[in-house]
């Protein structure tokens, strides 16, 4: 999914602000609500799904596959993934 996302990412050589953080990238993809702040007060926007739908579907399918594979395992990463699923 990361290699598929490369054509859609902004060029980080143009400006320093063009390099998005993880939350901004997820909001750009339409996976989480956008965050807006003014005067130190953070506000959540809405999930717009404005990003690439193919890339978004690849990430969702990958996450589901990881959770399905982690179900019967006891390693650290699998336990983290299952704990993350329980939080939703």
PDB file of N, CA and C in Angstrom:
ATOM      1  N   UNK A   1       0.823  -1.190   0.000  1.00  0.00           N
ATOM      2  CA  UNK A   1       0.000   0.000   0.000  1.00  0.00           C
ATOM      3  C   UNK A   1       0.871   1.259   0.000  1.00  0.00           C
ATOM      4  N   UNK A   2       2.016   1.170   0.666  1.00  0.00           N
ATOM      5  CA  UNK A   2       2.886   2.343   0.717  1.00  0.00           C
ATOM      6  C   UNK A   2       3.447   2.644  -0.671  1.00  0.00           C
ATOM      7  N   UNK A   3       3.852   1.626  -1.407  1.00  0.00           N
ATOM      8  CA  UNK A   3       4.371   1.884  -2.747  1.00  0.00           C
ATOM      9  C   UNK A   3       3.267   2.382  -3.666  1.00  0.00           C
ATOM     10  N   UNK A   4       2.028   1.950  -3.414  1.00  0.00           N
ATOM     11  CA  UNK A   4       0.914   2.441  -4.217  1.00  0.00           C
ATOM     12  C   UNK A   4       0.597   3.887  -3.878  1.00  0.00           C
ATOM     13  N   UNK A   5       0.959   4.338  -2.681  1.00  0.00           N
ATOM     14  CA  UNK A   5       0.637   5.702  -2.258  1.00  0.00           C
ATOM     15  C   UNK A   5       1.627   6.727  -2.784  1.00  0.00           C
ATOM     16  N   UNK A   6       2.775   6.325  -3.242  1.00  0.00           N
ATOM     17  CA  UNK A   6       3.821   7.257  -3.647  1.00  0.00           C
ATOM     18  C   UNK A   6       3.373   8.270  -4.694  1.00  0.00           C
ATOM     19  N   UNK A   7       2.635   7.873  -5.729  1.00  0.00           N
ATOM     20  CA  UNK A   7       2.214   8.890  -6.712  1.00  0.00           C
ATOM     21  C   UNK A   7       1.240   9.921  -6.150  1.00  0.00           C
ATOM     22  N   UNK A   8       0.600   9.618  -5.040  1.00  0.00           N
ATOM     23  CA  UNK A   8      -0.410  10.512  -4.496  1.00  0.00           C
ATOM     24  C   UNK A   8       0.128  11.433  -3.411  1.00  0.00           C
ATOM     25  N   UNK A   9       1.338  11.184  -2.933  1.00  0.00           N
ATOM     26  CA  UNK A   9       1.909  12.004  -1.869  1.00  0.00           C
ATOM     27  C   UNK A   9       2.432  13.315  -2.428  1.00  0.00           C
ATOM     28  N   UNK A  10       2.324  14.401  -1.653  1.00  0.00           N
ATOM     29  CA  UNK A  10       2.881  15.674  -2.109  1.00  0.00           C
ATOM     30  C   UNK A  10       4.400  15.617  -2.139  1.00  0.00           C
ATOM     31  N   UNK A  11       5.004  16.426  -2.973  1.00  0.00           N
ATOM     32  CA  UNK A  11       6.449  16.471  -3.095  1.00  0.00           C
ATOM     33  C   UNK A  11       7.036  17.155  -1.867  1.00  0.00           C
ATOM     34  N   UNK A  12       7.815  16.415  -1.071  1.00  0.00           N
ATOM     35  CA  UNK A  12       8.361  16.965   0.173  1.00  0.00           C
ATOM     36  C   UNK A  12       9.538  17.904  -0.079  1.00  0.00           C
ATOM     37  N   UNK A  13      10.040  17.960  -1.310  1.00  0.00           N
ATOM     38  CA  UNK A  13      11.161  18.854  -1.603  1.00  0.00           C
ATOM     39  C   UNK A  13      10.710  20.293  -1.837  1.00  0.00           C
ATOM     40  N   UNK A  14       9.420  20.500  -2.134  1.00  0.00           N
ATOM     41  CA  UNK A  14       8.942  21.843  -2.456  1.00  0.00           C
ATOM     42  C   UNK A  14       8.858  22.729  -1.225  1.00  0.00           C
ATOM     43  N   UNK A  15       8.153  22.276  -0.207  1.00  0.00           N
ATOM     44  CA  UNK A  15       8.038  23.054   1.021  1.00  0.00           C
ATOM     45  C   UNK A  15       8.092  22.129   2.214  1.00  0.00           C
ATOM     46  N   UNK A  16       8.461  22.680   3.356  1.00  0.00           N
ATOM     47  CA  UNK A  16       8.511  21.881   4.576  1.00  0.00           C
ATOM     48  C   UNK A  16       7.115  21.478   5.018  1.00  0.00           C
ATOM     49  N   UNK A  17       6.116  22.309   4.735  1.00  0.00           N
ATOM     50  CA  UNK A  17       4.756  22.002   5.169  1.00  0.00           C
ATOM     51  C   UNK A  17       4.084  20.964   4.272  1.00  0.00           C
ATOM     52  N   UNK A  18       4.700  20.618   3.162  1.00  0.00           N
ATOM     53  CA  UNK A  18       4.098  19.639   2.260  1.00  0.00           C
ATOM     54  C   UNK A  18       4.266  18.220   2.776  1.00  0.00           C
ATOM     55  N   UNK A  19       5.060  18.019   3.805  1.00  0.00           N
ATOM     56  CA  UNK A  19       5.292  16.695   4.349  1.00  0.00           C
ATOM     57  C   UNK A  19       4.283  16.443   5.466  1.00  0.00           C
ATOM     58  N   UNK A  20       3.223  15.683   5.192  1.00  0.00           N
ATOM     59  CA  UNK A  20       2.172  15.526   6.191  1.00  0.00           C
ATOM     60  C   UNK A  20       2.566  14.564   7.296  1.00  0.00           C
ATOM     61  N   UNK A  21       1.988  14.768   8.466  1.00  0.00           N
ATOM     62  CA  UNK A  21       2.151  13.835   9.562  1.00  0.00           C
ATOM     63  C   UNK A  21       1.196  12.668   9.376  1.00  0.00           C
ATOM     64  N   UNK A  22       1.240  11.718  10.278  1.00  0.00           N
ATOM     65  CA  UNK A  22       0.404  10.529  10.146  1.00  0.00           C
ATOM     66  C   UNK A  22      -1.079  10.869  10.224  1.00  0.00           C
ATOM     67  N   UNK A  23      -1.456  11.768  11.122  1.00  0.00           N
ATOM     68  CA  UNK A  23      -2.869  12.111  11.270  1.00  0.00           C
ATOM     69  C   UNK A  23      -3.370  12.878  10.053  1.00  0.00           C
ATOM     70  N   UNK A  24      -2.552  13.796   9.553  1.00  0.00           N
ATOM     71  CA  UNK A  24      -2.958  14.550   8.375  1.00  0.00           C
ATOM     72  C   UNK A  24      -3.060  13.637   7.154  1.00  0.00           C
ATOM     73  N   UNK A  25      -2.147  12.673   7.055  1.00  0.00           N
ATOM     74  CA  UNK A  25      -2.177  11.733   5.939  1.00  0.00           C
ATOM     75  C   UNK A  25      -3.424  10.862   6.005  1.00  0.00           C
ATOM     76  N   UNK A  26      -3.765  10.376   7.196  1.00  0.00           N
ATOM     77  CA  UNK A  26      -4.960   9.553   7.365  1.00  0.00           C
ATOM     78  C   UNK A  26      -6.219  10.363   7.076  1.00  0.00           C
ATOM     79  N   UNK A  27      -6.225  11.638   7.474  1.00  0.00           N
ATOM     80  CA  UNK A  27      -7.369  12.498   7.180  1.00  0.00           C
ATOM     81  C   UNK A  27      -7.462  12.763   5.683  1.00  0.00           C
ATOM     82  N   UNK A  28      -6.319  12.944   5.031  1.00  0.00           N
ATOM     83  CA  UNK A  28      -6.310  13.174   3.588  1.00  0.00           C
ATOM     84  C   UNK A  28      -6.864  11.964   2.833  1.00  0.00           C
ATOM     85  N   UNK A  29      -6.552  10.758   3.345  1.00  0.00           N
ATOM     86  CA  UNK A  29      -7.063   9.543   2.723  1.00  0.00           C
ATOM     87  C   UNK A  29      -8.548   9.342   2.980  1.00  0.00           C
ATOM     88  N   UNK A  30      -9.067   9.969   4.019  1.00  0.00           N
ATOM     89  CA  UNK A  30     -10.466   9.785   4.370  1.00  0.00           C
ATOM     90  C   UNK A  30     -10.678   8.662   5.348  1.00  0.00           C
ATOM     91  N   UNK A  31      -9.646   8.333   6.140  1.00  0.00           N
ATOM     92  CA  UNK A  31      -9.766   7.274   7.134  1.00  0.00           C
ATOM     93  C   UNK A  31     -10.204   7.808   8.493  1.00  0.00           C
ATOM     94  N   UNK A  32      -9.860   9.043   8.806  1.00  0.00           N
ATOM     95  CA  UNK A  32     -10.196   9.662  10.091  1.00  0.00           C
ATOM     96  C   UNK A  32     -10.695  11.077   9.822  1.00  0.00           C
ATOM     97  N   UNK A  33     -11.384  11.681  10.795  1.00  0.00           N
ATOM     98  CA  UNK A  33     -11.838  13.066  10.600  1.00  0.00           C
ATOM     99  C   UNK A  33     -10.663  14.032  10.515  1.00  0.00           C
ATOM    100  N   UNK A  34     -10.822  15.087   9.747  1.00  0.00           N
ATOM    101  CA  UNK A  34      -9.810  16.129   9.672  1.00  0.00           C
ATOM    102  C   UNK A  34      -9.785  16.919  10.968  1.00  0.00           C
ATOM    103  N   UNK A  35      -8.631  17.469  11.320  1.00  0.00           N
ATOM    104  CA  UNK A  35      -8.507  18.261  12.533  1.00  0.00           C
ATOM    105  C   UNK A  35      -8.243  19.703  12.158  1.00  0.00           C
ATOM    106  N   UNK A  36      -8.975  20.597  12.791  1.00  0.00           N
ATOM    107  CA  UNK A  36      -8.823  22.017  12.565  1.00  0.00           C
ATOM    108  C   UNK A  36      -8.659  22.680  13.913  1.00  0.00           C
ATOM    109  N   UNK A  37      -7.805  23.678  13.995  1.00  0.00           N
ATOM    110  CA  UNK A  37      -7.642  24.366  15.262  1.00  0.00           C
ATOM    111  C   UNK A  37      -7.580  25.865  15.021  1.00  0.00           C
ATOM    112  N   UNK A  38      -8.117  26.587  15.986  1.00  0.00           N
ATOM    113  CA  UNK A  38      -8.090  28.037  15.944  1.00  0.00           C
ATOM    114  C   UNK A  38      -8.061  28.535  17.377  1.00  0.00           C
ATOM    115  N   UNK A  39      -7.103  29.355  17.678  1.00  0.00           N
ATOM    116  CA  UNK A  39      -6.998  29.885  19.023  1.00  0.00           C
ATOM    117  C   UNK A  39      -6.686  28.825  20.058  1.00  0.00           C
ATOM    118  N   UNK A  40      -5.990  27.774  19.656  1.00  0.00           N
ATOM    119  CA  UNK A  40      -5.620  26.718  20.584  1.00  0.00           C
ATOM    120  C   UNK A  40      -6.720  25.696  20.833  1.00  0.00           C
ATOM    121  N   UNK A  41      -7.872  25.860  20.211  1.00  0.00           N
ATOM    122  CA  UNK A  41      -8.974  24.919  20.390  1.00  0.00           C
ATOM    123  C   UNK A  41      -9.056  24.012  19.164  1.00  0.00           C
ATOM    124  N   UNK A  42      -8.839  22.723  19.391  1.00  0.00           N
ATOM    125  CA  UNK A  42      -8.866  21.761  18.289  1.00  0.00           C
ATOM    126  C   UNK A  42     -10.299  21.324  18.021  1.00  0.00           C
ATOM    127  N   UNK A  43     -10.641  21.217  16.753  1.00  0.00           N
ATOM    128  CA  UNK A  43     -11.974  20.774  16.349  1.00  0.00           C
ATOM    129  C   UNK A  43     -11.826  19.663  15.325  1.00  0.00           C
ATOM    130  N   UNK A  44     -12.670  18.667  15.451  1.00  0.00           N
ATOM    131  CA  UNK A  44     -12.676  17.578  14.490  1.00  0.00           C
ATOM    132  C   UNK A  44     -13.644  17.918  13.370  1.00  0.00           C
ATOM    133  N   UNK A  45     -13.203  17.692  12.169  1.00  0.00           N
ATOM    134  CA  UNK A  45     -14.065  17.896  11.007  1.00  0.00           C
ATOM    135  C   UNK A  45     -14.835  16.632  10.713  1.00  0.00           C
ATOM    136  N   UNK A  46     -15.014  16.357   9.453  1.00  0.00           N
ATOM    137  CA  UNK A  46     -15.729  15.152   9.067  1.00  0.00           C
ATOM    138  C   UNK A  46     -14.835  14.295   8.190  1.00  0.00           C
ATOM    139  N   UNK A  47     -15.203  13.050   8.022  1.00  0.00           N
ATOM    140  CA  UNK A  47     -14.478  12.156   7.137  1.00  0.00           C
ATOM    141  C   UNK A  47     -14.963  12.430   5.721  1.00  0.00           C
ATOM    142  N   UNK A  48     -14.086  12.950   4.883  1.00  0.00           N
ATOM    143  CA  UNK A  48     -14.510  13.387   3.559  1.00  0.00           C
ATOM    144  C   UNK A  48     -14.287  12.352   2.472  1.00  0.00           C
ATOM    145  N   UNK A  49     -13.389  11.412   2.695  1.00  0.00           N
ATOM    146  CA  UNK A  49     -13.017  10.439   1.673  1.00  0.00           C
ATOM    147  C   UNK A  49     -12.539  11.140   0.399  1.00  0.00           C
ATOM    148  N   UNK A  50     -11.827  12.245   0.586  1.00  0.00           N
ATOM    149  CA  UNK A  50     -11.350  13.026  -0.543  1.00  0.00           C
ATOM    150  C   UNK A  50     -10.102  12.426  -1.182  1.00  0.00           C
ATOM    151  N   UNK A  51      -9.426  11.519  -0.488  1.00  0.00           N
ATOM    152  CA  UNK A  51      -8.209  10.922  -1.020  1.00  0.00           C
ATOM    153  C   UNK A  51      -8.509   9.850  -2.055  1.00  0.00           C
ATOM    154  N   UNK A  52      -7.514   9.073  -2.365  1.00  0.00           N
ATOM    155  CA  UNK A  52      -7.634   8.035  -3.375  1.00  0.00           C
ATOM    156  C   UNK A  52      -8.390   6.827  -2.810  1.00  0.00           C
ATOM    157  N   UNK A  53      -9.479   6.450  -3.431  1.00  0.00           N
ATOM    158  CA  UNK A  53     -10.309   5.357  -2.922  1.00  0.00           C
ATOM    159  C   UNK A  53      -9.605   4.007  -3.043  1.00  0.00           C
ATOM    160  N   UNK A  54      -8.801   3.809  -4.076  1.00  0.00           N
ATOM    161  CA  UNK A  54      -8.076   2.546  -4.231  1.00  0.00           C
ATOM    162  C   UNK A  54      -7.062   2.366  -3.113  1.00  0.00           C
ATOM    163  N   UNK A  55      -6.312   3.399  -2.792  1.00  0.00           N
ATOM    164  CA  UNK A  55      -5.329   3.325  -1.721  1.00  0.00           C
ATOM    165  C   UNK A  55      -6.017   3.109  -0.381  1.00  0.00           C
ATOM    166  N   UNK A  56      -7.132   3.797  -0.162  1.00  0.00           N
ATOM    167  CA  UNK A  56      -7.884   3.631   1.082  1.00  0.00           C
ATOM    168  C   UNK A  56      -8.361   2.192   1.228  1.00  0.00           C
ATOM    169  N   UNK A  57      -8.863   1.599   0.154  1.00  0.00           N
ATOM    170  CA  UNK A  57      -9.337   0.218   0.233  1.00  0.00           C
ATOM    171  C   UNK A  57      -8.187  -0.757   0.470  1.00  0.00           C
ATOM    172  N   UNK A  58      -7.008  -0.488  -0.104  1.00  0.00           N
ATOM    173  CA  UNK A  58      -5.842  -1.339   0.155  1.00  0.00           C
ATOM    174  C   UNK A  58      -5.454  -1.317   1.627  1.00  0.00           C
ATOM    175  N   UNK A  59      -5.473  -0.137   2.229  1.00  0.00           N
ATOM    176  CA  UNK A  59      -5.111  -0.028   3.640  1.00  0.00           C
ATOM    177  C   UNK A  59      -6.127  -0.716   4.540  1.00  0.00           C
ATOM    178  N   UNK A  60      -7.398  -0.587   4.237  1.00  0.00           N
ATOM    179  CA  UNK A  60      -8.437  -1.240   5.041  1.00  0.00           C
ATOM    180  C   UNK A  60      -8.339  -2.756   4.905  1.00  0.00           C
ATOM    181  N   UNK A  61      -8.161  -3.256   3.695  1.00  0.00           N
ATOM    182  CA  UNK A  61      -8.024  -4.703   3.502  1.00  0.00           C
ATOM    183  C   UNK A  61      -6.779  -5.238   4.201  1.00  0.00           C
ATOM    184  N   UNK A  62      -5.684  -4.476   4.159  1.00  0.00           N
ATOM    185  CA  UNK A  62      -4.473  -4.892   4.849  1.00  0.00           C
ATOM    186  C   UNK A  62      -4.657  -4.957   6.355  1.00  0.00           C
ATOM    187  N   UNK A  63      -5.347  -3.970   6.911  1.00  0.00           N
ATOM    188  CA  UNK A  63      -5.598  -3.968   8.351  1.00  0.00           C
ATOM    189  C   UNK A  63      -6.477  -5.145   8.753  1.00  0.00           C
ATOM    190  N   UNK A  64      -7.474  -5.448   7.949  1.00  0.00           N
ATOM    191  CA  UNK A  64      -8.329  -6.598   8.250  1.00  0.00           C
ATOM    192  C   UNK A  64      -7.556  -7.906   8.176  1.00  0.00           C
ATOM    193  N   UNK A  65      -6.649  -8.020   7.223  1.00  0.00           N
ATOM    194  CA  UNK A  65      -5.836  -9.231   7.102  1.00  0.00           C
ATOM    195  C   UNK A  65      -4.908  -9.394   8.304  1.00  0.00           C
ATOM    196  N   UNK A  66      -4.338  -8.285   8.770  1.00  0.00           N
ATOM    197  CA  UNK A  66      -3.466  -8.337   9.951  1.00  0.00           C
ATOM    198  C   UNK A  66      -4.253  -8.781  11.171  1.00  0.00           C
ATOM    199  N   UNK A  67      -5.454  -8.239  11.354  1.00  0.00           N
ATOM    200  CA  UNK A  67      -6.279  -8.626  12.499  1.00  0.00           C
ATOM    201  C   UNK A  67      -6.709 -10.088  12.417  1.00  0.00           C
ATOM    202  N   UNK A  68      -7.020 -10.563  11.237  1.00  0.00           N
ATOM    203  CA  UNK A  68      -7.405 -11.968  11.087  1.00  0.00           C
ATOM    204  C   UNK A  68      -6.236 -12.897  11.398  1.00  0.00           C
ATOM    205  N   UNK A  69      -5.035 -12.513  10.981  1.00  0.00           N
ATOM    206  CA  UNK A  69      -3.860 -13.342  11.236  1.00  0.00           C
ATOM    207  C   UNK A  69      -3.421 -13.277  12.696  1.00  0.00           C
ATOM    208  N   UNK A  70      -3.692 -12.184  13.363  1.00  0.00           N
ATOM    209  CA  UNK A  70      -3.246 -12.003  14.750  1.00  0.00           C
ATOM    210  C   UNK A  70      -4.167 -12.670  15.757  1.00  0.00           C
ATOM    211  N   UNK A  71      -5.308 -13.138  15.309  1.00  0.00           N
ATOM    212  CA  UNK A  71      -6.323 -13.659  16.227  1.00  0.00           C
ATOM    213  C   UNK A  71      -5.814 -14.792  17.115  1.00  0.00           C
ATOM    214  N   UNK A  72      -5.032 -15.716  16.590  1.00  0.00           N
ATOM    215  CA  UNK A  72      -4.600 -16.890  17.341  1.00  0.00           C
ATOM    216  C   UNK A  72      -3.125 -16.848  17.719  1.00  0.00           C
ATOM    217  N   UNK A  73      -2.505 -15.685  17.665  1.00  0.00           N
ATOM    218  CA  UNK A  73      -1.080 -15.577  17.980  1.00  0.00           C
ATOM    219  C   UNK A  73      -0.888 -14.839  19.291  1.00  0.00           C
ATOM    220  N   UNK A  74       0.302 -15.045  19.896  1.00  0.00           N
ATOM    221  CA  UNK A  74       0.574 -14.413  21.188  1.00  0.00           C
ATOM    222  C   UNK A  74       1.828 -13.540  21.168  1.00  0.00           C
ATOM    223  N   UNK A  75       2.380 -13.270  19.993  1.00  0.00           N
ATOM    224  CA  UNK A  75       3.557 -12.407  19.939  1.00  0.00           C
ATOM    225  C   UNK A  75       3.154 -10.960  20.244  1.00  0.00           C
ATOM    226  N   UNK A  76       4.131 -10.125  20.476  1.00  0.00           N
ATOM    227  CA  UNK A  76       3.887  -8.747  20.906  1.00  0.00           C
ATOM    228  C   UNK A  76       3.064  -7.965  19.897  1.00  0.00           C
ATOM    229  N   UNK A  77       3.402  -8.059  18.636  1.00  0.00           N
ATOM    230  CA  UNK A  77       2.680  -7.313  17.602  1.00  0.00           C
ATOM    231  C   UNK A  77       1.229  -7.783  17.474  1.00  0.00           C
ATOM    232  N   UNK A  78       1.009  -9.077  17.560  1.00  0.00           N
ATOM    233  CA  UNK A  78      -0.351  -9.602  17.469  1.00  0.00           C
ATOM    234  C   UNK A  78      -1.192  -9.177  18.665  1.00  0.00           C
ATOM    235  N   UNK A  79      -0.594  -9.190  19.854  1.00  0.00           N
ATOM    236  CA  UNK A  79      -1.322  -8.736  21.044  1.00  0.00           C
ATOM    237  C   UNK A  79      -1.654  -7.254  20.935  1.00  0.00           C
ATOM    238  N   UNK A  80      -0.739  -6.449  20.383  1.00  0.00           N
ATOM    239  CA  UNK A  80      -0.997  -5.022  20.191  1.00  0.00           C
ATOM    240  C   UNK A  80      -2.152  -4.807  19.208  1.00  0.00           C
ATOM    241  N   UNK A  81      -2.156  -5.573  18.122  1.00  0.00           N
ATOM    242  CA  UNK A  81      -3.209  -5.431  17.120  1.00  0.00           C
ATOM    243  C   UNK A  81      -4.570  -5.813  17.701  1.00  0.00           C
ATOM    244  N   UNK A  82      -4.614  -6.866  18.486  1.00  0.00           N
ATOM    245  CA  UNK A  82      -5.873  -7.281  19.092  1.00  0.00           C
ATOM    246  C   UNK A  82      -6.343  -6.279  20.149  1.00  0.00           C
ATOM    247  N   UNK A  83      -5.413  -5.712  20.907  1.00  0.00           N
ATOM    248  CA  UNK A  83      -5.779  -4.681  21.890  1.00  0.00           C
ATOM    249  C   UNK A  83      -6.317  -3.441  21.176  1.00  0.00           C
ATOM    250  N   UNK A  84      -5.730  -3.107  20.045  1.00  0.00           N
ATOM    251  CA  UNK A  84      -6.195  -1.979  19.251  1.00  0.00           C
ATOM    252  C   UNK A  84      -7.612  -2.221  18.734  1.00  0.00           C
ATOM    253  N   UNK A  85      -7.890  -3.444  18.315  1.00  0.00           N
ATOM    254  CA  UNK A  85      -9.223  -3.774  17.844  1.00  0.00           C
ATOM    255  C   UNK A  85     -10.253  -3.694  18.977  1.00  0.00           C
ATOM    256  N   UNK A  86      -9.853  -4.073  20.176  1.00  0.00           N
ATOM    257  CA  UNK A  86     -10.778  -4.033  21.320  1.00  0.00           C
ATOM    258  C   UNK A  86     -11.126  -2.607  21.710  1.00  0.00           C
ATOM    259  N   UNK A  87     -10.264  -1.640  21.405  1.00  0.00           N
ATOM    260  CA  UNK A  87     -10.502  -0.240  21.782  1.00  0.00           C
ATOM    261  C   UNK A  87     -11.577   0.428  20.955  1.00  0.00           C
ATOM    262  N   UNK A  88     -11.884  -0.087  19.799  1.00  0.00           N
ATOM    263  CA  UNK A  88     -12.858   0.598  18.944  1.00  0.00           C
ATOM    264  C   UNK A  88     -14.195   0.404  19.482  1.00  0.00           C
TER     265      UNK A  88
END
